[in-house]
Amino acid sequence: MKKTVLIIFITLISASSIFAKADLKLIDTYLKVSGTKEVILSLPFQIEKGYLENVKDKNIDIKSSFDANHTIEYFKIKLAERFDDITLKKIIVFYNLPIGKKFKNSSIDAMSAKNSENKALFYEKLGNNIPSYKRLNILNAFTDRLELSPVAVHLIGELLGSINAQLIASDNSEKIMDSISEQIKDTMFANSLYAYRGFTNKELKSIMGYFYSNTGRYEQKIVSEIFKQFITESFLQIIEQSQQKNANSIISN
């Protein structure tokens, strides 16, 4: 299977010069300044975490199916096919602004496992310091808009890993699928209380202004589609690995 994946990546890389619209150096800059690179590299781990928590077989080595360099190349090629230089430059301008840098750093910081204790303590104290109704409304609108912020993607990987495992083991797939958007929205809102605790309401509205703009909407649309494609293909690899293991087990018995 790894040989097949390698061949696919080599084919994609070979074809990239034909289909690429955006300068790959600009893609590299975008991945860095937006925090998307960190999120991409974390996705296999998040998918594995969510998947293995919901299956009996804990011996499926999901991370071995993903090479960090190949994963980054996959996203670079897909992004280059969908973006153009002018749009990328506009997006990079936002992430290079002080508010864009603060947004990216806070989002990445909230994802870090090393902050799990700080987050737990924050939520514990939250009961005695509930945000105002105005603040809660702004955060609710904020998380509705930021469907593909780094924090959202990080959560989606883990949640979809969990949901995919449940789908494989359940006949009631429709009910499980109906719960996806609500799970993501609820988790995003709760996480936003911590992730953006250092932002004023004015700053949050400023970030929302970008993500409601044509450029911001386009960035989210394209990145969303590529992440979903990657996650889908990842699950197909996981299922293939699981099925192969079961087949080998049957043959050996």
Protein backbone atom coordinates (compact mmCIF):
# COMPACT_ATOMS: atom_id res chain seq x y z
CA MET A 1 0.00 0.00 0.00
CA LYS A 2 2.85 2.41 0.81
CA LYS A 3 4.31 1.77 -2.67
CA THR A 4 0.95 2.67 -4.21
CA VAL A 5 0.76 5.88 -2.16
CA LEU A 6 4.33 6.78 -3.20
CA ILE A 7 3.50 6.27 -6.88
CA ILE A 8 0.43 8.51 -6.52
CA PHE A 9 2.51 11.29 -4.93
CA ILE A 10 5.22 11.00 -7.62
CA THR A 11 2.51 11.26 -10.29
CA LEU A 12 1.00 14.31 -8.58
CA ILE A 13 4.40 15.99 -8.31
CA SER A 14 5.18 15.26 -11.97
CA ALA A 15 1.84 16.72 -13.05
CA SER A 16 2.09 19.78 -10.83
CA SER A 17 4.14 21.78 -13.33
CA ILE A 18 1.35 21.34 -15.88
CA PHE A 19 -1.65 22.17 -13.69
CA ALA A 20 -0.25 24.56 -11.06
CA LYS A 21 -1.67 28.08 -11.21
CA ALA A 22 0.01 29.56 -8.12
CA ASP A 23 3.72 30.02 -7.46
CA LEU A 24 4.85 27.22 -5.12
CA LYS A 25 6.97 29.73 -3.17
CA LEU A 26 3.79 31.66 -2.40
CA ILE A 27 2.14 28.40 -1.35
CA ASP A 28 5.04 27.77 1.05
CA THR A 29 4.62 31.28 2.47
CA TYR A 30 0.86 30.79 2.88
CA LEU A 31 1.28 27.44 4.65
CA LYS A 32 3.72 29.04 7.09
CA VAL A 33 2.02 32.35 7.90
CA SER A 34 -1.50 30.88 8.19
CA GLY A 35 -0.49 28.01 10.48
CA THR A 36 -1.88 25.55 7.95
CA LYS A 37 1.39 23.61 7.81
CA GLU A 38 1.20 22.74 11.53
CA VAL A 39 -2.39 21.65 11.10
CA ILE A 40 -1.58 19.48 8.09
CA LEU A 41 1.18 17.69 9.97
CA SER A 42 -1.11 17.09 12.95
CA LEU A 43 -3.99 15.61 10.96
CA PRO A 44 -2.77 11.98 10.76
CA PHE A 45 -2.26 11.97 14.53
CA GLN A 46 -5.72 13.43 15.12
CA ILE A 47 -7.36 10.97 12.73
CA GLU A 48 -5.59 8.10 14.47
CA LYS A 49 -6.58 9.34 17.92
CA GLY A 50 -10.26 9.64 17.03
CA TYR A 51 -10.31 6.36 15.11
CA LEU A 52 -8.51 4.13 17.60
CA GLU A 53 -10.62 5.37 20.51
CA ASN A 54 -13.63 3.78 18.81
CA VAL A 55 -12.34 0.45 17.52
CA LYS A 56 -11.37 -2.74 19.33
CA ASP A 57 -8.29 -3.37 17.21
CA LYS A 58 -5.62 -1.05 18.59
CA ASN A 59 -2.85 -2.47 16.40
CA ILE A 60 -3.66 -0.54 13.23
CA ASP A 61 -0.67 1.73 12.63
CA ILE A 62 -2.34 4.66 10.93
CA LYS A 63 0.58 7.08 11.11
CA SER A 64 2.79 4.70 9.12
CA SER A 65 0.55 5.33 6.10
CA PHE A 66 1.50 9.02 6.09
CA ASP A 67 4.89 10.52 5.39
CA ALA A 68 5.19 14.13 6.53
CA ASN A 69 6.94 15.31 3.37
CA HIS A 70 4.46 13.54 1.08
CA THR A 71 1.53 14.96 3.02
CA ILE A 72 2.85 18.51 2.67
CA GLU A 73 3.54 17.96 -1.05
CA TYR A 74 -0.03 16.71 -1.49
CA PHE A 75 -1.44 19.93 -0.04
CA LYS A 76 1.01 22.17 -1.90
CA ILE A 77 0.03 20.67 -5.24
CA LYS A 78 -3.70 20.80 -4.51
CA LEU A 79 -3.49 24.40 -3.28
CA ALA A 80 -1.42 25.45 -6.30
CA GLU A 81 -4.09 24.00 -8.59
CA ARG A 82 -6.89 25.98 -6.93
CA PHE A 83 -5.26 29.31 -6.03
CA ASP A 84 -3.70 32.01 -8.18
CA ASP A 85 -0.88 34.37 -7.19
CA ILE A 86 -3.09 37.45 -6.80
CA THR A 87 -5.50 35.73 -4.40
CA LEU A 88 -2.68 34.17 -2.40
CA LYS A 89 -0.98 37.53 -1.97
CA LYS A 90 -4.23 39.02 -0.61
CA ILE A 91 -4.58 36.14 1.87
CA ILE A 92 -0.95 36.45 2.98
CA VAL A 93 -1.48 40.17 3.64
CA PHE A 94 -4.13 39.31 6.25
CA TYR A 95 -1.98 36.74 8.04
CA ASN A 96 0.96 39.16 8.11
CA LEU A 97 -1.12 41.83 9.86
CA PRO A 98 -0.71 41.99 13.66
CA ILE A 99 -4.31 40.74 14.11
CA GLY A 100 -3.71 37.93 11.60
CA LYS A 101 -0.55 36.84 13.42
CA LYS A 102 -2.35 36.96 16.76
CA PHE A 103 -5.21 34.87 15.37
CA LYS A 104 -2.85 32.26 13.92
CA ASN A 105 -0.70 32.01 17.06
CA SER A 106 -3.68 31.77 19.40
CA SER A 107 -5.30 29.09 17.23
CA ILE A 108 -2.14 26.98 17.09
CA ASP A 109 -1.49 27.48 20.81
CA ALA A 110 -4.99 26.25 21.67
CA MET A 111 -4.33 23.02 19.73
CA SER A 112 -1.17 22.19 21.64
CA ALA A 113 -1.35 19.18 23.94
CA LYS A 114 1.03 20.92 26.35
CA ASN A 115 -1.75 23.38 27.16
CA SER A 116 -4.28 20.72 28.16
CA GLU A 117 -3.81 21.45 31.88
CA ASN A 118 -4.14 25.19 31.31
CA LYS A 119 -7.33 24.62 29.32
CA ALA A 120 -8.79 22.38 32.02
CA LEU A 121 -8.04 25.02 34.65
CA PHE A 122 -9.54 27.74 32.46
CA TYR A 123 -12.82 25.84 32.02
CA GLU A 124 -12.90 25.03 35.73
CA LYS A 125 -12.75 28.72 36.59
CA LEU A 126 -15.17 29.69 33.82
CA GLY A 127 -18.18 28.85 35.96
CA ASN A 128 -17.30 31.74 38.26
CA ASN A 129 -16.52 34.12 35.42
CA ILE A 130 -19.11 33.55 32.70
CA PRO A 131 -18.62 35.82 29.66
CA SER A 132 -21.24 38.46 28.95
CA TYR A 133 -24.18 37.71 26.68
CA LYS A 134 -22.70 40.07 24.08
CA ARG A 135 -19.37 38.22 24.18
CA LEU A 136 -21.06 34.82 23.84
CA ASN A 137 -23.06 36.05 20.84
CA ILE A 138 -19.90 37.34 19.14
CA LEU A 139 -18.05 34.07 19.80
CA ASN A 140 -21.01 32.11 18.46
CA ALA A 141 -21.02 34.13 15.22
CA PHE A 142 -17.23 33.93 15.13
CA THR A 143 -17.10 30.12 15.29
CA ASP A 144 -19.95 29.83 12.76
CA ARG A 145 -17.78 31.74 10.29
CA LEU A 146 -14.46 30.05 11.09
CA GLU A 147 -15.35 26.61 9.81
CA LEU A 148 -11.82 25.98 8.58
CA SER A 149 -9.62 27.87 11.01
CA PRO A 150 -6.61 25.84 12.24
CA VAL A 151 -8.52 24.96 15.41
CA ALA A 152 -11.53 23.74 13.44
CA VAL A 153 -9.47 21.55 11.14
CA HIS A 154 -7.63 20.08 14.11
CA LEU A 155 -10.95 19.16 15.71
CA ILE A 156 -12.48 17.90 12.47
CA GLY A 157 -9.66 15.40 12.00
CA GLU A 158 -10.21 13.91 15.43
CA LEU A 159 -14.01 13.98 15.26
CA LEU A 160 -14.12 12.44 11.80
CA GLY A 161 -11.71 9.75 12.91
CA SER A 162 -14.10 8.91 15.72
CA ILE A 163 -17.20 9.10 13.52
CA ASN A 164 -15.65 7.00 10.76
CA ALA A 165 -14.85 4.25 13.26
CA GLN A 166 -18.46 4.36 14.49
CA LEU A 167 -19.79 4.20 10.91
CA ILE A 168 -17.80 1.07 10.19
CA ALA A 169 -19.20 -0.64 13.27
CA SER A 170 -22.78 0.64 13.02
CA ASP A 171 -25.79 0.11 10.78
CA ASN A 172 -27.31 3.43 11.81
CA SER A 173 -24.97 5.59 9.72
CA GLU A 174 -27.57 8.27 8.98
CA LYS A 175 -28.02 9.12 12.64
CA ILE A 176 -24.27 9.29 13.19
CA MET A 177 -23.75 11.54 10.17
CA ASP A 178 -26.49 13.90 11.39
CA SER A 179 -24.49 14.49 14.56
CA ILE A 180 -21.27 15.60 12.82
CA SER A 181 -22.03 19.29 12.31
CA GLU A 182 -23.43 19.73 15.81
CA GLN A 183 -20.43 18.03 17.39
CA ILE A 184 -18.01 20.24 15.48
CA LYS A 185 -19.98 23.42 16.20
CA ASP A 186 -20.32 22.68 19.94
CA THR A 187 -16.65 21.75 20.27
CA MET A 188 -15.55 24.78 18.28
CA PHE A 189 -17.60 27.15 20.43
CA ALA A 190 -16.28 25.68 23.69
CA ASN A 191 -12.72 25.80 22.38
CA SER A 192 -13.10 29.40 21.20
CA LEU A 193 -13.71 30.52 24.78
CA TYR A 194 -10.14 29.45 25.56
CA ALA A 195 -8.40 30.04 22.22
CA TYR A 196 -9.57 33.65 21.85
CA ARG A 197 -9.76 34.62 25.51
CA GLY A 198 -7.11 37.31 24.92
CA PHE A 199 -9.04 38.99 22.09
CA THR A 200 -11.28 42.00 22.47
CA ASN A 201 -14.71 41.96 20.83
CA LYS A 202 -13.41 44.52 18.35
CA GLU A 203 -10.52 42.24 17.37
CA LEU A 204 -12.84 39.27 16.86
CA LYS A 205 -15.08 41.37 14.62
CA SER A 206 -12.01 42.47 12.66
CA ILE A 207 -11.05 38.84 11.99
CA MET A 208 -14.64 38.04 11.05
CA GLY A 209 -14.46 40.91 8.56
CA TYR A 210 -11.69 39.13 6.71
CA PHE A 211 -13.42 35.74 6.71
CA TYR A 212 -16.64 37.34 5.44
CA SER A 213 -14.76 39.03 2.59
CA ASN A 214 -14.59 37.44 -0.87
CA THR A 215 -10.93 36.55 -0.29
CA GLY A 216 -11.59 35.03 3.12
CA ARG A 217 -14.59 33.07 1.89
CA TYR A 218 -12.61 31.74 -1.07
CA GLU A 219 -9.71 30.68 1.15
CA GLN A 220 -12.08 28.75 3.41
CA LYS A 221 -13.89 27.11 0.51
CA ILE A 222 -10.73 25.85 -1.17
CA VAL A 223 -8.92 24.77 1.98
CA SER A 224 -12.07 23.07 3.23
CA GLU A 225 -12.43 21.02 0.06
CA ILE A 226 -8.79 19.95 0.07
CA PHE A 227 -8.85 18.95 3.74
CA LYS A 228 -12.03 16.94 3.21
CA GLN A 229 -10.48 15.19 0.21
CA PHE A 230 -7.36 14.38 2.22
CA ILE A 231 -9.36 13.04 5.16
CA THR A 232 -11.53 10.90 2.86
CA GLU A 233 -8.49 9.41 1.16
CA SER A 234 -6.91 8.84 4.56
CA PHE A 235 -9.92 6.83 5.70
CA LEU A 236 -9.79 4.73 2.56
CA GLN A 237 -6.19 3.85 3.41
CA ILE A 238 -7.14 3.01 6.98
CA ILE A 239 -10.00 0.78 5.82
CA GLU A 240 -7.74 -0.92 3.28
CA GLN A 241 -5.17 -1.59 5.98
CA SER A 242 -7.82 -2.99 8.32
CA GLN A 243 -9.36 -5.20 5.63
CA GLN A 244 -5.96 -6.53 4.58
CA LYS A 245 -5.13 -7.36 8.16
CA ASN A 246 -8.43 -9.21 8.61
CA ALA A 247 -7.90 -11.12 5.37
CA ASN A 248 -4.43 -12.17 6.44
CA SER A 249 -5.79 -13.27 9.80
CA ILE A 250 -8.45 -15.44 8.12
CA ILE A 251 -5.87 -17.01 5.80
CA SER A 252 -3.48 -17.79 8.67
CA ASN A 253 -6.29 -19.45 10.62
